[in-house]
Amino acid sequence: MSAKIEYLKNEIRVRLDGEIDHHSASIIRLSIDDAIIHKRPKSLVLDFGSVSFMDSSGIGLVMGRYKLMRTVGGKIKVQNLSPSAYKVMKLAGLERLGELKQKEVV
């Protein structure tokens, strides 16, 4: 699992790649949280376009970043979810926390 963090004006974009499980989520959390705390963006975009597997740790990753973004006055967007990940996140109620978007089928 890897996470590429890009800093744009008032936005942090995180491109996730690989599998999200308990171990990888905890490592990624630290780097994303550090970026949020230091940059205090208005928006955090989590791009799941290259995620090949996700267990419940993916839901926890989104929920925790949502809570942190609220403390800095920002919002969260989750993009490029696979149909199954989108369904799981909707069932978990994450659409109430921010924007959820499925991966566009080409």
PDB file of N, CA and C in Angstrom:
ATOM      1  N   MET A   1       0.842  -1.177   0.000  1.00  0.00           N
ATOM      2  CA  MET A   1       0.000   0.000   0.000  1.00  0.00           C
ATOM      3  C   MET A   1       0.880   1.230   0.000  1.00  0.00           C
ATOM      4  N   SER A   2       0.504   2.192  -0.805  1.00  0.00           N
ATOM      5  CA  SER A   2       1.206   3.470  -0.798  1.00  0.00           C
ATOM      6  C   SER A   2       0.179   4.597  -0.896  1.00  0.00           C
ATOM      7  N   ALA A   3       0.612   5.761  -0.500  1.00  0.00           N
ATOM      8  CA  ALA A   3      -0.240   6.947  -0.564  1.00  0.00           C
ATOM      9  C   ALA A   3       0.611   8.109  -1.052  1.00  0.00           C
ATOM     10  N   LYS A   4       0.214   8.674  -2.176  1.00  0.00           N
ATOM     11  CA  LYS A   4       0.906   9.849  -2.697  1.00  0.00           C
ATOM     12  C   LYS A   4       0.098  11.070  -2.292  1.00  0.00           C
ATOM     13  N   ILE A   5       0.733  11.957  -1.550  1.00  0.00           N
ATOM     14  CA  ILE A   5       0.056  13.154  -1.037  1.00  0.00           C
ATOM     15  C   ILE A   5       0.468  14.361  -1.865  1.00  0.00           C
ATOM     16  N   GLU A   6      -0.537  15.050  -2.396  1.00  0.00           N
ATOM     17  CA  GLU A   6      -0.305  16.265  -3.178  1.00  0.00           C
ATOM     18  C   GLU A   6      -0.928  17.441  -2.435  1.00  0.00           C
ATOM     19  N   TYR A   7      -0.202  18.542  -2.424  1.00  0.00           N
ATOM     20  CA  TYR A   7      -0.687  19.755  -1.786  1.00  0.00           C
ATOM     21  C   TYR A   7      -1.086  20.751  -2.859  1.00  0.00           C
ATOM     22  N   LEU A   8      -2.346  21.106  -2.868  1.00  0.00           N
ATOM     23  CA  LEU A   8      -2.855  22.126  -3.777  1.00  0.00           C
ATOM     24  C   LEU A   8      -3.351  23.285  -2.916  1.00  0.00           C
ATOM     25  N   LYS A   9      -3.755  24.358  -3.529  1.00  0.00           N
ATOM     26  CA  LYS A   9      -4.253  25.494  -2.763  1.00  0.00           C
ATOM     27  C   LYS A   9      -5.496  25.070  -1.978  1.00  0.00           C
ATOM     28  N   ASN A  10      -5.416  25.115  -0.663  1.00  0.00           N
ATOM     29  CA  ASN A  10      -6.514  24.773   0.246  1.00  0.00           C
ATOM     30  C   ASN A  10      -7.028  23.342   0.111  1.00  0.00           C
ATOM     31  N   GLU A  11      -6.229  22.456  -0.502  1.00  0.00           N
ATOM     32  CA  GLU A  11      -6.669  21.072  -0.676  1.00  0.00           C
ATOM     33  C   GLU A  11      -5.480  20.127  -0.564  1.00  0.00           C
ATOM     34  N   ILE A  12      -5.732  19.000   0.071  1.00  0.00           N
ATOM     35  CA  ILE A  12      -4.777  17.902   0.077  1.00  0.00           C
ATOM     36  C   ILE A  12      -5.435  16.765  -0.675  1.00  0.00           C
ATOM     37  N   ARG A  13      -4.711  16.215  -1.646  1.00  0.00           N
ATOM     38  CA  ARG A  13      -5.215  15.093  -2.435  1.00  0.00           C
ATOM     39  C   ARG A  13      -4.322  13.889  -2.142  1.00  0.00           C
ATOM     40  N   VAL A  14      -4.949  12.778  -1.742  1.00  0.00           N
ATOM     41  CA  VAL A  14      -4.204  11.567  -1.412  1.00  0.00           C
ATOM     42  C   VAL A  14      -4.609  10.471  -2.388  1.00  0.00           C
ATOM     43  N   ARG A  15      -3.646   9.996  -3.161  1.00  0.00           N
ATOM     44  CA  ARG A  15      -3.895   8.907  -4.112  1.00  0.00           C
ATOM     45  C   ARG A  15      -3.434   7.604  -3.476  1.00  0.00           C
ATOM     46  N   LEU A  16      -4.402   6.763  -3.148  1.00  0.00           N
ATOM     47  CA  LEU A  16      -4.125   5.493  -2.490  1.00  0.00           C
ATOM     48  C   LEU A  16      -3.907   4.412  -3.537  1.00  0.00           C
ATOM     49  N   ASP A  17      -2.975   3.502  -3.263  1.00  0.00           N
ATOM     50  CA  ASP A  17      -2.626   2.465  -4.228  1.00  0.00           C
ATOM     51  C   ASP A  17      -2.352   1.158  -3.488  1.00  0.00           C
ATOM     52  N   GLY A  18      -2.968   0.072  -3.937  1.00  0.00           N
ATOM     53  CA  GLY A  18      -2.714  -1.238  -3.344  1.00  0.00           C
ATOM     54  C   GLY A  18      -3.839  -1.684  -2.428  1.00  0.00           C
ATOM     55  N   GLU A  19      -3.483  -2.412  -1.377  1.00  0.00           N
ATOM     56  CA  GLU A  19      -4.461  -2.961  -0.442  1.00  0.00           C
ATOM     57  C   GLU A  19      -4.513  -2.160   0.854  1.00  0.00           C
ATOM     58  N   ILE A  20      -5.722  -1.926   1.330  1.00  0.00           N
ATOM     59  CA  ILE A  20      -5.901  -1.241   2.615  1.00  0.00           C
ATOM     60  C   ILE A  20      -6.371  -2.275   3.624  1.00  0.00           C
ATOM     61  N   ASP A  21      -5.496  -2.560   4.589  1.00  0.00           N
ATOM     62  CA  ASP A  21      -5.847  -3.439   5.691  1.00  0.00           C
ATOM     63  C   ASP A  21      -5.399  -2.755   6.984  1.00  0.00           C
ATOM     64  N   HIS A  22      -5.539  -3.454   8.103  1.00  0.00           N
ATOM     65  CA  HIS A  22      -5.221  -2.849   9.405  1.00  0.00           C
ATOM     66  C   HIS A  22      -3.808  -2.283   9.440  1.00  0.00           C
ATOM     67  N   HIS A  23      -2.844  -3.044   8.973  1.00  0.00           N
ATOM     68  CA  HIS A  23      -1.447  -2.613   9.038  1.00  0.00           C
ATOM     69  C   HIS A  23      -1.185  -1.405   8.140  1.00  0.00           C
ATOM     70  N   SER A  24      -1.591  -1.486   6.881  1.00  0.00           N
ATOM     71  CA  SER A  24      -1.304  -0.386   5.959  1.00  0.00           C
ATOM     72  C   SER A  24      -2.089   0.878   6.312  1.00  0.00           C
ATOM     73  N   ALA A  25      -3.323   0.715   6.789  1.00  0.00           N
ATOM     74  CA  ALA A  25      -4.143   1.875   7.149  1.00  0.00           C
ATOM     75  C   ALA A  25      -3.492   2.680   8.271  1.00  0.00           C
ATOM     76  N   SER A  26      -2.903   1.997   9.241  1.00  0.00           N
ATOM     77  CA  SER A  26      -2.293   2.727  10.361  1.00  0.00           C
ATOM     78  C   SER A  26      -1.083   3.547   9.904  1.00  0.00           C
ATOM     79  N   ILE A  27      -0.339   3.044   8.947  1.00  0.00           N
ATOM     80  CA  ILE A  27       0.822   3.780   8.423  1.00  0.00           C
ATOM     81  C   ILE A  27       0.350   4.992   7.616  1.00  0.00           C
ATOM     82  N   ILE A  28      -0.644   4.786   6.769  1.00  0.00           N
ATOM     83  CA  ILE A  28      -1.169   5.863   5.928  1.00  0.00           C
ATOM     84  C   ILE A  28      -1.808   6.954   6.776  1.00  0.00           C
ATOM     85  N   ARG A  29      -2.520   6.546   7.825  1.00  0.00           N
ATOM     86  CA  ARG A  29      -3.161   7.506   8.731  1.00  0.00           C
ATOM     87  C   ARG A  29      -2.171   8.537   9.246  1.00  0.00           C
ATOM     88  N   LEU A  30      -1.023   8.072   9.665  1.00  0.00           N
ATOM     89  CA  LEU A  30      -0.020   8.973  10.238  1.00  0.00           C
ATOM     90  C   LEU A  30       0.411  10.048   9.246  1.00  0.00           C
ATOM     91  N   SER A  31       0.684   9.642   8.002  1.00  0.00           N
ATOM     92  CA  SER A  31       1.151  10.634   7.021  1.00  0.00           C
ATOM     93  C   SER A  31       0.032  11.600   6.621  1.00  0.00           C
ATOM     94  N   ILE A  32      -1.189  11.100   6.483  1.00  0.00           N
ATOM     95  CA  ILE A  32      -2.302  11.989   6.132  1.00  0.00           C
ATOM     96  C   ILE A  32      -2.589  12.954   7.279  1.00  0.00           C
ATOM     97  N   ASP A  33      -2.630  12.432   8.500  1.00  0.00           N
ATOM     98  CA  ASP A  33      -2.897  13.290   9.659  1.00  0.00           C
ATOM     99  C   ASP A  33      -1.841  14.379   9.802  1.00  0.00           C
ATOM    100  N   ASP A  34      -0.587  14.023   9.584  1.00  0.00           N
ATOM    101  CA  ASP A  34       0.489  14.997   9.670  1.00  0.00           C
ATOM    102  C   ASP A  34       0.283  16.112   8.636  1.00  0.00           C
ATOM    103  N   ALA A  35      -0.087  15.724   7.422  1.00  0.00           N
ATOM    104  CA  ALA A  35      -0.335  16.718   6.367  1.00  0.00           C
ATOM    105  C   ALA A  35      -1.502  17.630   6.735  1.00  0.00           C
ATOM    106  N   ILE A  36      -2.572  17.060   7.267  1.00  0.00           N
ATOM    107  CA  ILE A  36      -3.748  17.861   7.651  1.00  0.00           C
ATOM    108  C   ILE A  36      -3.390  18.843   8.759  1.00  0.00           C
ATOM    109  N   ILE A  37      -2.706  18.365   9.763  1.00  0.00           N
ATOM    110  CA  ILE A  37      -2.365  19.210  10.909  1.00  0.00           C
ATOM    111  C   ILE A  37      -1.454  20.369  10.491  1.00  0.00           C
ATOM    112  N   HIS A  38      -0.500  20.104   9.605  1.00  0.00           N
ATOM    113  CA  HIS A  38       0.438  21.148   9.213  1.00  0.00           C
ATOM    114  C   HIS A  38      -0.102  22.098   8.142  1.00  0.00           C
ATOM    115  N   LYS A  39      -0.929  21.598   7.231  1.00  0.00           N
ATOM    116  CA  LYS A  39      -1.431  22.434   6.127  1.00  0.00           C
ATOM    117  C   LYS A  39      -2.819  23.015   6.376  1.00  0.00           C
ATOM    118  N   ARG A  40      -3.602  22.372   7.246  1.00  0.00           N
ATOM    119  CA  ARG A  40      -4.949  22.827   7.581  1.00  0.00           C
ATOM    120  C   ARG A  40      -5.776  23.163   6.330  1.00  0.00           C
ATOM    121  N   PRO A  41      -5.973  22.176   5.446  1.00  0.00           N
ATOM    122  CA  PRO A  41      -6.688  22.434   4.186  1.00  0.00           C
ATOM    123  C   PRO A  41      -8.190  22.604   4.395  1.00  0.00           C
ATOM    124  N   LYS A  42      -8.833  23.175   3.416  1.00  0.00           N
ATOM    125  CA  LYS A  42     -10.292  23.289   3.429  1.00  0.00           C
ATOM    126  C   LYS A  42     -10.931  21.997   2.918  1.00  0.00           C
ATOM    127  N   SER A  43     -10.146  21.208   2.156  1.00  0.00           N
ATOM    128  CA  SER A  43     -10.675  19.992   1.567  1.00  0.00           C
ATOM    129  C   SER A  43      -9.603  18.894   1.560  1.00  0.00           C
ATOM    130  N   LEU A  44     -10.038  17.672   1.870  1.00  0.00           N
ATOM    131  CA  LEU A  44      -9.197  16.485   1.763  1.00  0.00           C
ATOM    132  C   LEU A  44      -9.866  15.556   0.766  1.00  0.00           C
ATOM    133  N   VAL A  45      -9.129  15.179  -0.291  1.00  0.00           N
ATOM    134  CA  VAL A  45      -9.654  14.270  -1.303  1.00  0.00           C
ATOM    135  C   VAL A  45      -8.898  12.950  -1.184  1.00  0.00           C
ATOM    136  N   LEU A  46      -9.632  11.881  -0.900  1.00  0.00           N
ATOM    137  CA  LEU A  46      -9.057  10.543  -0.847  1.00  0.00           C
ATOM    138  C   LEU A  46      -9.435   9.830  -2.142  1.00  0.00           C
ATOM    139  N   ASP A  47      -8.444   9.523  -2.961  1.00  0.00           N
ATOM    140  CA  ASP A  47      -8.667   8.895  -4.262  1.00  0.00           C
ATOM    141  C   ASP A  47      -8.379   7.395  -4.144  1.00  0.00           C
ATOM    142  N   PHE A  48      -9.432   6.584  -4.227  1.00  0.00           N
ATOM    143  CA  PHE A  48      -9.336   5.137  -4.093  1.00  0.00           C
ATOM    144  C   PHE A  48      -9.201   4.442  -5.449  1.00  0.00           C
ATOM    145  N   GLY A  49      -8.884   5.170  -6.508  1.00  0.00           N
ATOM    146  CA  GLY A  49      -8.860   4.630  -7.857  1.00  0.00           C
ATOM    147  C   GLY A  49      -7.926   3.460  -8.072  1.00  0.00           C
ATOM    148  N   SER A  50      -6.846   3.360  -7.317  1.00  0.00           N
ATOM    149  CA  SER A  50      -5.883   2.265  -7.497  1.00  0.00           C
ATOM    150  C   SER A  50      -5.874   1.301  -6.320  1.00  0.00           C
ATOM    151  N   VAL A  51      -6.924   1.328  -5.519  1.00  0.00           N
ATOM    152  CA  VAL A  51      -7.029   0.403  -4.386  1.00  0.00           C
ATOM    153  C   VAL A  51      -7.576  -0.927  -4.901  1.00  0.00           C
ATOM    154  N   SER A  52      -6.830  -1.992  -4.662  1.00  0.00           N
ATOM    155  CA  SER A  52      -7.222  -3.314  -5.166  1.00  0.00           C
ATOM    156  C   SER A  52      -7.997  -4.130  -4.140  1.00  0.00           C
ATOM    157  N   PHE A  53      -7.857  -3.804  -2.861  1.00  0.00           N
ATOM    158  CA  PHE A  53      -8.555  -4.511  -1.784  1.00  0.00           C
ATOM    159  C   PHE A  53      -8.713  -3.566  -0.613  1.00  0.00           C
ATOM    160  N   MET A  54      -9.845  -3.691   0.071  1.00  0.00           N
ATOM    161  CA  MET A  54     -10.078  -2.872   1.257  1.00  0.00           C
ATOM    162  C   MET A  54     -10.925  -3.663   2.234  1.00  0.00           C
ATOM    163  N   ASP A  55     -10.488  -3.745   3.488  1.00  0.00           N
ATOM    164  CA  ASP A  55     -11.343  -4.322   4.520  1.00  0.00           C
ATOM    165  C   ASP A  55     -11.937  -3.172   5.331  1.00  0.00           C
ATOM    166  N   SER A  56     -12.464  -3.465   6.490  1.00  0.00           N
ATOM    167  CA  SER A  56     -13.116  -2.428   7.298  1.00  0.00           C
ATOM    168  C   SER A  56     -12.155  -1.312   7.707  1.00  0.00           C
ATOM    169  N   SER A  57     -10.869  -1.546   7.605  1.00  0.00           N
ATOM    170  CA  SER A  57      -9.890  -0.497   7.919  1.00  0.00           C
ATOM    171  C   SER A  57     -10.026   0.693   6.975  1.00  0.00           C
ATOM    172  N   GLY A  58     -10.505   0.452   5.767  1.00  0.00           N
ATOM    173  CA  GLY A  58     -10.732   1.544   4.823  1.00  0.00           C
ATOM    174  C   GLY A  58     -11.821   2.479   5.314  1.00  0.00           C
ATOM    175  N   ILE A  59     -12.857   1.901   5.909  1.00  0.00           N
ATOM    176  CA  ILE A  59     -13.937   2.715   6.487  1.00  0.00           C
ATOM    177  C   ILE A  59     -13.396   3.527   7.656  1.00  0.00           C
ATOM    178  N   GLY A  60     -12.612   2.883   8.496  1.00  0.00           N
ATOM    179  CA  GLY A  60     -12.006   3.579   9.631  1.00  0.00           C
ATOM    180  C   GLY A  60     -11.074   4.695   9.192  1.00  0.00           C
ATOM    181  N   LEU A  61     -10.353   4.461   8.092  1.00  0.00           N
ATOM    182  CA  LEU A  61      -9.460   5.475   7.550  1.00  0.00           C
ATOM    183  C   LEU A  61     -10.247   6.722   7.150  1.00  0.00           C
ATOM    184  N   VAL A  62     -11.365   6.526   6.468  1.00  0.00           N
ATOM    185  CA  VAL A  62     -12.191   7.655   6.033  1.00  0.00           C
ATOM    186  C   VAL A  62     -12.822   8.355   7.241  1.00  0.00           C
ATOM    187  N   MET A  63     -13.383   7.593   8.164  1.00  0.00           N
ATOM    188  CA  MET A  63     -14.052   8.192   9.331  1.00  0.00           C
ATOM    189  C   MET A  63     -13.095   9.014  10.180  1.00  0.00           C
ATOM    190  N   GLY A  64     -11.920   8.482  10.415  1.00  0.00           N
ATOM    191  CA  GLY A  64     -10.938   9.204  11.229  1.00  0.00           C
ATOM    192  C   GLY A  64     -10.475  10.494  10.576  1.00  0.00           C
ATOM    193  N   ARG A  65     -10.268  10.471   9.237  1.00  0.00           N
ATOM    194  CA  ARG A  65      -9.845  11.681   8.538  1.00  0.00           C
ATOM    195  C   ARG A  65     -10.982  12.693   8.499  1.00  0.00           C
ATOM    196  N   TYR A  66     -12.221  12.218   8.422  1.00  0.00           N
ATOM    197  CA  TYR A  66     -13.374  13.122   8.483  1.00  0.00           C
ATOM    198  C   TYR A  66     -13.377  13.873   9.817  1.00  0.00           C
ATOM    199  N   LYS A  67     -13.187  13.143  10.907  1.00  0.00           N
ATOM    200  CA  LYS A  67     -13.186  13.779  12.232  1.00  0.00           C
ATOM    201  C   LYS A  67     -12.063  14.802  12.359  1.00  0.00           C
ATOM    202  N   LEU A  68     -10.884  14.457  11.838  1.00  0.00           N
ATOM    203  CA  LEU A  68      -9.762  15.393  11.915  1.00  0.00           C
ATOM    204  C   LEU A  68     -10.024  16.621  11.046  1.00  0.00           C
ATOM    205  N   MET A  69     -10.581  16.419   9.855  1.00  0.00           N
ATOM    206  CA  MET A  69     -10.888  17.553   8.983  1.00  0.00           C
ATOM    207  C   MET A  69     -11.907  18.487   9.632  1.00  0.00           C
ATOM    208  N   ARG A  70     -12.848  17.939  10.373  1.00  0.00           N
ATOM    209  CA  ARG A  70     -13.814  18.798  11.078  1.00  0.00           C
ATOM    210  C   ARG A  70     -13.121  19.698  12.077  1.00  0.00           C
ATOM    211  N   THR A  71     -12.074  19.199  12.733  1.00  0.00           N
ATOM    212  CA  THR A  71     -11.378  20.015  13.733  1.00  0.00           C
ATOM    213  C   THR A  71     -10.633  21.186  13.104  1.00  0.00           C
ATOM    214  N   VAL A  72     -10.275  21.073  11.813  1.00  0.00           N
ATOM    215  CA  VAL A  72      -9.592  22.180  11.138  1.00  0.00           C
ATOM    216  C   VAL A  72     -10.553  22.958  10.239  1.00  0.00           C
ATOM    217  N   GLY A  73     -11.851  22.644  10.317  1.00  0.00           N
ATOM    218  CA  GLY A  73     -12.861  23.372   9.557  1.00  0.00           C
ATOM    219  C   GLY A  73     -12.957  22.974   8.097  1.00  0.00           C
ATOM    220  N   GLY A  74     -12.508  21.764   7.774  1.00  0.00           N
ATOM    221  CA  GLY A  74     -12.516  21.324   6.380  1.00  0.00           C
ATOM    222  C   GLY A  74     -13.515  20.211   6.105  1.00  0.00           C
ATOM    223  N   LYS A  75     -13.578  19.813   4.834  1.00  0.00           N
ATOM    224  CA  LYS A  75     -14.486  18.772   4.364  1.00  0.00           C
ATOM    225  C   LYS A  75     -13.689  17.645   3.721  1.00  0.00           C
ATOM    226  N   ILE A  76     -14.361  16.511   3.547  1.00  0.00           N
ATOM    227  CA  ILE A  76     -13.714  15.350   2.950  1.00  0.00           C
ATOM    228  C   ILE A  76     -14.480  14.887   1.718  1.00  0.00           C
ATOM    229  N   LYS A  77     -13.712  14.414   0.719  1.00  0.00           N
ATOM    230  CA  LYS A  77     -14.289  13.831  -0.488  1.00  0.00           C
ATOM    231  C   LYS A  77     -13.593  12.491  -0.724  1.00  0.00           C
ATOM    232  N   VAL A  78     -14.383  11.481  -1.059  1.00  0.00           N
ATOM    233  CA  VAL A  78     -13.840  10.161  -1.362  1.00  0.00           C
ATOM    234  C   VAL A  78     -14.210   9.857  -2.808  1.00  0.00           C
ATOM    235  N   GLN A  79     -13.202   9.624  -3.637  1.00  0.00           N
ATOM    236  CA  GLN A  79     -13.437   9.478  -5.072  1.00  0.00           C
ATOM    237  C   GLN A  79     -12.902   8.165  -5.611  1.00  0.00           C
ATOM    238  N   ASN A  80     -13.414   7.798  -6.782  1.00  0.00           N
ATOM    239  CA  ASN A  80     -12.950   6.637  -7.545  1.00  0.00           C
ATOM    240  C   ASN A  80     -13.061   5.317  -6.786  1.00  0.00           C
ATOM    241  N   LEU A  81     -14.147   5.166  -6.054  1.00  0.00           N
ATOM    242  CA  LEU A  81     -14.391   3.911  -5.341  1.00  0.00           C
ATOM    243  C   LEU A  81     -14.859   2.840  -6.314  1.00  0.00           C
ATOM    244  N   SER A  82     -14.407   1.615  -6.099  1.00  0.00           N
ATOM    245  CA  SER A  82     -14.934   0.501  -6.877  1.00  0.00           C
ATOM    246  C   SER A  82     -16.408   0.338  -6.491  1.00  0.00           C
ATOM    247  N   PRO A  83     -17.213  -0.300  -7.336  1.00  0.00           N
ATOM    248  CA  PRO A  83     -18.627  -0.484  -6.979  1.00  0.00           C
ATOM    249  C   PRO A  83     -18.828  -1.167  -5.630  1.00  0.00           C
ATOM    250  N   SER A  84     -18.006  -2.179  -5.313  1.00  0.00           N
ATOM    251  CA  SER A  84     -18.169  -2.874  -4.025  1.00  0.00           C
ATOM    252  C   SER A  84     -17.755  -1.991  -2.851  1.00  0.00           C
ATOM    253  N   ALA A  85     -16.659  -1.235  -3.000  1.00  0.00           N
ATOM    254  CA  ALA A  85     -16.226  -0.328  -1.927  1.00  0.00           C
ATOM    255  C   ALA A  85     -17.242   0.789  -1.734  1.00  0.00           C
ATOM    256  N   TYR A  86     -17.805   1.283  -2.821  1.00  0.00           N
ATOM    257  CA  TYR A  86     -18.836   2.322  -2.741  1.00  0.00           C
ATOM    258  C   TYR A  86     -20.046   1.802  -1.958  1.00  0.00           C
ATOM    259  N   LYS A  87     -20.463   0.595  -2.271  1.00  0.00           N
ATOM    260  CA  LYS A  87     -21.617   0.001  -1.599  1.00  0.00           C
ATOM    261  C   LYS A  87     -21.353  -0.153  -0.099  1.00  0.00           C
ATOM    262  N   VAL A  88     -20.172  -0.640   0.256  1.00  0.00           N
ATOM    263  CA  VAL A  88     -19.815  -0.830   1.668  1.00  0.00           C
ATOM    264  C   VAL A  88     -19.792   0.513   2.397  1.00  0.00           C
ATOM    265  N   MET A  89     -19.222   1.526   1.777  1.00  0.00           N
ATOM    266  CA  MET A  89     -19.141   2.842   2.425  1.00  0.00           C
ATOM    267  C   MET A  89     -20.527   3.482   2.565  1.00  0.00           C
ATOM    268  N   LYS A  90     -21.389   3.281   1.578  1.00  0.00           N
ATOM    269  CA  LYS A  90     -22.766   3.784   1.697  1.00  0.00           C
ATOM    270  C   LYS A  90     -23.504   3.064   2.827  1.00  0.00           C
ATOM    271  N   LEU A  91     -23.344   1.744   2.903  1.00  0.00           N
ATOM    272  CA  LEU A  91     -23.990   0.979   3.969  1.00  0.00           C
ATOM    273  C   LEU A  91     -23.492   1.411   5.345  1.00  0.00           C
ATOM    274  N   ALA A  92     -22.239   1.822   5.416  1.00  0.00           N
ATOM    275  CA  ALA A  92     -21.666   2.302   6.678  1.00  0.00           C
ATOM    276  C   ALA A  92     -22.109   3.725   6.997  1.00  0.00           C
ATOM    277  N   GLY A  93     -22.820   4.372   6.062  1.00  0.00           N
ATOM    278  CA  GLY A  93     -23.326   5.722   6.300  1.00  0.00           C
ATOM    279  C   GLY A  93     -22.336   6.831   6.013  1.00  0.00           C
ATOM    280  N   LEU A  94     -21.265   6.529   5.288  1.00  0.00           N
ATOM    281  CA  LEU A  94     -20.232   7.536   5.058  1.00  0.00           C
ATOM    282  C   LEU A  94     -20.655   8.649   4.106  1.00  0.00           C
ATOM    283  N   GLU A  95     -21.737   8.452   3.348  1.00  0.00           N
ATOM    284  CA  GLU A  95     -22.188   9.532   2.471  1.00  0.00           C
ATOM    285  C   GLU A  95     -22.687  10.720   3.273  1.00  0.00           C
ATOM    286  N   ARG A  96     -23.019  10.511   4.540  1.00  0.00           N
ATOM    287  CA  ARG A  96     -23.438  11.622   5.398  1.00  0.00           C
ATOM    288  C   ARG A  96     -22.244  12.477   5.840  1.00  0.00           C
ATOM    289  N   LEU A  97     -21.049  11.912   5.759  1.00  0.00           N
ATOM    290  CA  LEU A  97     -19.860  12.620   6.219  1.00  0.00           C
ATOM    291  C   LEU A  97     -19.242  13.510   5.151  1.00  0.00           C
ATOM    292  N   GLY A  98     -19.438  13.135   3.917  1.00  0.00           N
ATOM    293  CA  GLY A  98     -18.842  13.906   2.826  1.00  0.00           C
ATOM    294  C   GLY A  98     -19.243  13.311   1.492  1.00  0.00           C
ATOM    295  N   GLU A  99     -18.587  13.739   0.477  1.00  0.00           N
ATOM    296  CA  GLU A  99     -18.903  13.322  -0.890  1.00  0.00           C
ATOM    297  C   GLU A  99     -18.292  11.952  -1.185  1.00  0.00           C
ATOM    298  N   LEU A 100     -19.113  11.024  -1.683  1.00  0.00           N
ATOM    299  CA  LEU A 100     -18.652   9.708  -2.118  1.00  0.00           C
ATOM    300  C   LEU A 100     -18.907   9.580  -3.612  1.00  0.00           C
ATOM    301  N   LYS A 101     -17.898   9.147  -4.369  1.00  0.00           N
ATOM    302  CA  LYS A 101     -18.085   8.961  -5.806  1.00  0.00           C
ATOM    303  C   LYS A 101     -17.460   7.643  -6.247  1.00  0.00           C
ATOM    304  N   GLN A 102     -18.216   6.927  -7.093  1.00  0.00           N
ATOM    305  CA  GLN A 102     -17.697   5.691  -7.671  1.00  0.00           C
ATOM    306  C   GLN A 102     -16.716   5.999  -8.785  1.00  0.00           C
ATOM    307  N   LYS A 103     -15.883   5.003  -9.080  1.00  0.00           N
ATOM    308  CA  LYS A 103     -14.984   5.090 -10.212  1.00  0.00           C
ATOM    309  C   LYS A 103     -15.815   5.103 -11.480  1.00  0.00           C
ATOM    310  N   GLU A 104     -15.473   6.003 -12.388  1.00  0.00           N
ATOM    311  CA  GLU A 104     -16.201   6.082 -13.650  1.00  0.00           C
ATOM    312  C   GLU A 104     -15.810   4.912 -14.533  1.00  0.00           C
ATOM    313  N   VAL A 105     -16.805   4.252 -15.115  1.00  0.00           N
ATOM    314  CA  VAL A 105     -16.560   3.126 -16.002  1.00  0.00           C
ATOM    315  C   VAL A 105     -16.286   3.665 -17.392  1.00  0.00           C
ATOM    316  N   VAL A 106     -15.171   3.213 -17.955  1.00  0.00           N
ATOM    317  CA  VAL A 106     -14.768   3.706 -19.285  1.00  0.00           C
ATOM    318  C   VAL A 106     -15.092   2.679 -20.339  1.00  0.00           C
TER     319      VAL A 106
END
